[in-house]
């Protein structure tokens, strides 16, 4: 969805690309995930999921067209977005998602004047709230490409200093993925 920016990384090796253009409906993402499944991909990077939420033809755009309210747009769109989430979560391969971030604000009351004003409270992911709960690891990158974990089920990154992700980071995650118990062997 990032205007063919994947081409900027061609020097890193061979990989396949499915360029997505508007409309960015949940179903278009699901079709791309299914195409990757049919092609036997082992790892997929979705750059970015933000468009499914707020891009042209994305969930918020569709909500505006249908008309707000639970009985209107959200009754139809929530299940469509959930299918998008489930397609990622249940894929038979690893999926890395990227998401845009933007400034987030809270409205606070000024103690002296009694008036309310917006106050910057950090950055917020531009997707439906709660996406981070679905992830095994959530790494947030700063402007200098330093990553820090805001969620980490692996124990590889939580509570550790920020770092610039590299091939070694990928190898570390792959090693973690290869550890554990073969459930099918355990059941038999």
Protein backbone atom coordinates (compact mmCIF):
# COMPACT_ATOMS: atom_id res chain seq x y z
CA UNK A 1 0.00 0.00 0.00
CA UNK A 2 3.02 2.27 0.30
CA UNK A 3 3.27 3.37 -3.34
CA UNK A 4 5.64 0.59 -4.41
CA UNK A 5 8.17 1.50 -1.73
CA UNK A 6 9.10 -2.21 -1.47
CA UNK A 7 11.17 -1.61 -4.61
CA UNK A 8 13.55 0.47 -2.48
CA UNK A 9 14.71 -2.74 -0.78
CA UNK A 10 15.43 -4.83 -3.88
CA UNK A 11 19.14 -4.80 -3.01
CA UNK A 12 18.43 -6.91 0.09
CA UNK A 13 17.57 -10.04 -1.88
CA UNK A 14 14.82 -11.78 -3.78
CA UNK A 15 11.24 -11.42 -2.63
CA UNK A 16 7.77 -11.19 -4.11
CA UNK A 17 5.49 -8.16 -3.94
CA UNK A 18 1.75 -7.77 -4.27
CA UNK A 19 1.13 -4.05 -4.72
CA UNK A 20 -2.22 -2.98 -3.25
CA UNK A 21 -4.00 0.12 -4.46
CA UNK A 22 -7.30 1.65 -3.43
CA UNK A 23 -9.85 0.57 -2.50
CA UNK A 24 -8.19 -0.80 0.64
CA UNK A 25 -11.10 -2.91 1.84
CA UNK A 26 -10.55 -5.71 4.35
CA UNK A 27 -11.41 -8.17 1.59
CA UNK A 28 -8.58 -6.93 -0.67
CA UNK A 29 -6.07 -7.62 2.11
CA UNK A 30 -7.59 -11.06 2.68
CA UNK A 31 -7.28 -11.82 -1.05
CA UNK A 32 -3.58 -10.89 -0.91
CA UNK A 33 -3.03 -13.07 2.17
CA UNK A 34 -4.77 -15.98 0.40
CA UNK A 35 -2.60 -15.44 -2.69
CA UNK A 36 0.48 -15.69 -0.47
CA UNK A 37 -0.91 -18.89 1.04
CA UNK A 38 -1.50 -20.39 -2.41
CA UNK A 39 2.03 -19.44 -3.45
CA UNK A 40 3.52 -21.20 -0.42
CA UNK A 41 5.03 -18.13 1.22
CA UNK A 42 6.78 -18.70 4.56
CA UNK A 43 6.79 -15.11 5.75
CA UNK A 44 4.74 -12.11 4.64
CA UNK A 45 5.17 -8.43 5.44
CA UNK A 46 2.05 -6.29 5.18
CA UNK A 47 3.17 -2.70 4.75
CA UNK A 48 0.92 -1.24 6.00
CA UNK A 49 -2.35 -2.23 7.65
CA UNK A 50 -3.21 1.43 8.25
CA UNK A 51 -4.85 1.72 4.84
CA UNK A 52 -7.34 -1.05 5.71
CA UNK A 53 -8.47 1.16 8.57
CA UNK A 54 -8.36 4.72 7.24
CA UNK A 55 -7.38 4.59 3.56
CA UNK A 56 -9.60 5.09 0.56
CA UNK A 57 -12.08 2.20 0.68
CA UNK A 58 -10.85 1.26 4.16
CA UNK A 59 -13.13 0.71 7.14
CA UNK A 60 -13.46 4.36 8.25
CA UNK A 61 -14.03 5.52 4.68
CA UNK A 62 -16.70 2.85 4.21
CA UNK A 63 -18.32 3.85 7.52
CA UNK A 64 -18.66 7.42 6.26
CA UNK A 65 -20.29 6.20 3.04
CA UNK A 66 -22.69 3.81 4.78
CA UNK A 67 -23.58 6.15 7.62
CA UNK A 68 -22.42 5.97 11.22
CA UNK A 69 -23.98 4.28 14.19
CA UNK A 70 -23.96 0.68 15.31
CA UNK A 71 -27.08 -0.28 13.37
CA UNK A 72 -25.61 1.28 10.24
CA UNK A 73 -21.97 1.08 9.37
CA UNK A 74 -20.46 -0.72 12.35
CA UNK A 75 -22.89 -3.62 12.30
CA UNK A 76 -21.61 -4.36 8.78
CA UNK A 77 -17.99 -3.25 9.06
CA UNK A 78 -16.93 -4.77 12.37
CA UNK A 79 -17.33 -8.35 11.07
CA UNK A 80 -15.43 -7.44 7.90
CA UNK A 81 -12.56 -5.99 9.92
CA UNK A 82 -12.58 -9.05 12.22
CA UNK A 83 -12.24 -11.33 9.16
CA UNK A 84 -9.20 -9.27 8.13
CA UNK A 85 -7.70 -9.74 11.62
CA UNK A 86 -8.44 -13.46 11.60
CA UNK A 87 -6.85 -13.88 8.17
CA UNK A 88 -3.62 -12.51 9.65
CA UNK A 89 -3.81 -14.39 12.94
CA UNK A 90 -4.68 -17.74 11.38
CA UNK A 91 -2.32 -17.61 8.40
CA UNK A 92 -0.15 -20.73 8.07
CA UNK A 93 2.96 -18.55 7.85
CA UNK A 94 4.56 -15.72 9.79
CA UNK A 95 3.14 -12.26 9.14
CA UNK A 96 4.85 -9.01 10.01
CA UNK A 97 2.53 -6.01 9.94
CA UNK A 98 3.56 -2.40 9.84
CA UNK A 99 1.30 0.44 10.88
CA UNK A 100 1.60 4.18 10.60
CA UNK A 101 1.66 6.26 13.76
CA UNK A 102 0.42 9.77 14.39
CA UNK A 103 0.32 12.26 17.24
CA UNK A 104 -2.32 11.47 19.84
CA UNK A 105 -4.02 14.03 22.06
CA UNK A 106 -6.05 14.11 25.26
CA UNK A 107 -8.40 16.94 26.15
CA UNK A 108 -7.51 18.23 29.61
CA UNK A 109 -8.94 20.95 31.79
CA UNK A 110 -6.60 23.83 32.62
CA UNK A 111 -6.66 24.17 36.43
CA UNK A 112 -6.13 27.96 36.29
CA UNK A 113 -8.59 28.96 33.58
CA UNK A 114 -11.08 26.08 33.77
CA UNK A 115 -10.97 25.78 29.99
CA UNK A 116 -10.15 22.57 28.17
CA UNK A 117 -7.30 22.24 25.73
CA UNK A 118 -5.68 19.49 23.67
CA UNK A 119 -2.42 18.11 25.07
CA UNK A 120 -0.01 15.86 23.16
CA UNK A 121 0.28 12.45 24.82
CA UNK A 122 2.54 10.60 22.41
CA UNK A 123 2.07 8.60 19.26
CA UNK A 124 -0.85 6.34 18.42
CA UNK A 125 -1.08 3.52 15.89
CA UNK A 126 -3.41 4.31 13.00
CA UNK A 127 -5.57 1.20 13.02
CA UNK A 128 -8.46 -0.02 15.10
CA UNK A 129 -7.69 0.20 18.79
CA UNK A 130 -6.48 -3.06 20.28
CA UNK A 131 -4.40 -4.37 17.37
CA UNK A 132 -1.36 -4.74 19.62
CA UNK A 133 -3.20 -7.40 21.65
CA UNK A 134 -3.13 -9.73 18.63
CA UNK A 135 0.63 -9.58 18.21
CA UNK A 136 3.42 -11.73 19.59
CA UNK A 137 5.88 -8.82 19.47
CA UNK A 138 5.17 -5.14 18.89
CA UNK A 139 8.24 -3.07 18.16
CA UNK A 140 7.89 0.69 17.97
CA UNK A 141 10.44 2.54 15.84
CA UNK A 142 11.55 6.08 16.56
CA UNK A 143 12.76 8.61 13.98
CA UNK A 144 16.28 7.15 14.15
CA UNK A 145 14.99 3.60 13.46
CA UNK A 146 15.60 2.49 17.05
CA UNK A 147 13.15 -0.21 18.11
CA UNK A 148 11.72 -0.74 21.56
CA UNK A 149 9.17 -3.36 22.54
CA UNK A 150 5.76 -2.22 23.74
CA UNK A 151 4.67 -5.86 23.84
CA UNK A 152 6.82 -8.97 23.84
CA UNK A 153 5.61 -12.51 24.47
CA UNK A 154 9.02 -13.88 23.47
CA UNK A 155 11.04 -12.24 26.24
CA UNK A 156 13.65 -11.27 23.65
CA UNK A 157 13.11 -7.49 23.73
CA UNK A 158 11.01 -6.45 26.73
CA UNK A 159 12.83 -4.34 29.27
CA UNK A 160 15.94 -4.12 27.11
CA UNK A 161 17.56 -1.04 25.55
CA UNK A 162 16.29 0.13 22.18
CA UNK A 163 18.16 -1.15 19.13
CA UNK A 164 18.26 -0.85 15.35
CA UNK A 165 16.64 -3.99 13.89
CA UNK A 166 18.90 -6.03 11.63
CA UNK A 167 19.21 -9.43 10.00
CA UNK A 168 20.39 -10.67 13.40
CA UNK A 169 17.07 -9.53 14.91
CA UNK A 170 15.25 -11.66 12.34
CA UNK A 171 17.47 -14.64 13.10
CA UNK A 172 16.82 -14.23 16.83
CA UNK A 173 13.05 -14.21 16.27
CA UNK A 174 13.30 -17.21 13.89
CA UNK A 175 15.26 -19.16 16.51
CA UNK A 176 12.61 -18.35 19.10
CA UNK A 177 9.88 -19.53 16.70
CA UNK A 178 11.71 -22.83 16.20
CA UNK A 179 11.85 -23.57 19.93
CA UNK A 180 9.05 -25.18 21.84
CA UNK A 181 7.07 -28.36 21.66
CA UNK A 182 5.68 -30.12 18.60
CA UNK A 183 2.04 -30.31 19.69
CA UNK A 184 1.14 -33.08 17.22
CA UNK A 185 3.99 -35.26 18.53
CA UNK A 186 2.97 -34.56 22.14
CA UNK A 187 -0.66 -35.58 21.53
CA UNK A 188 0.26 -38.94 19.93
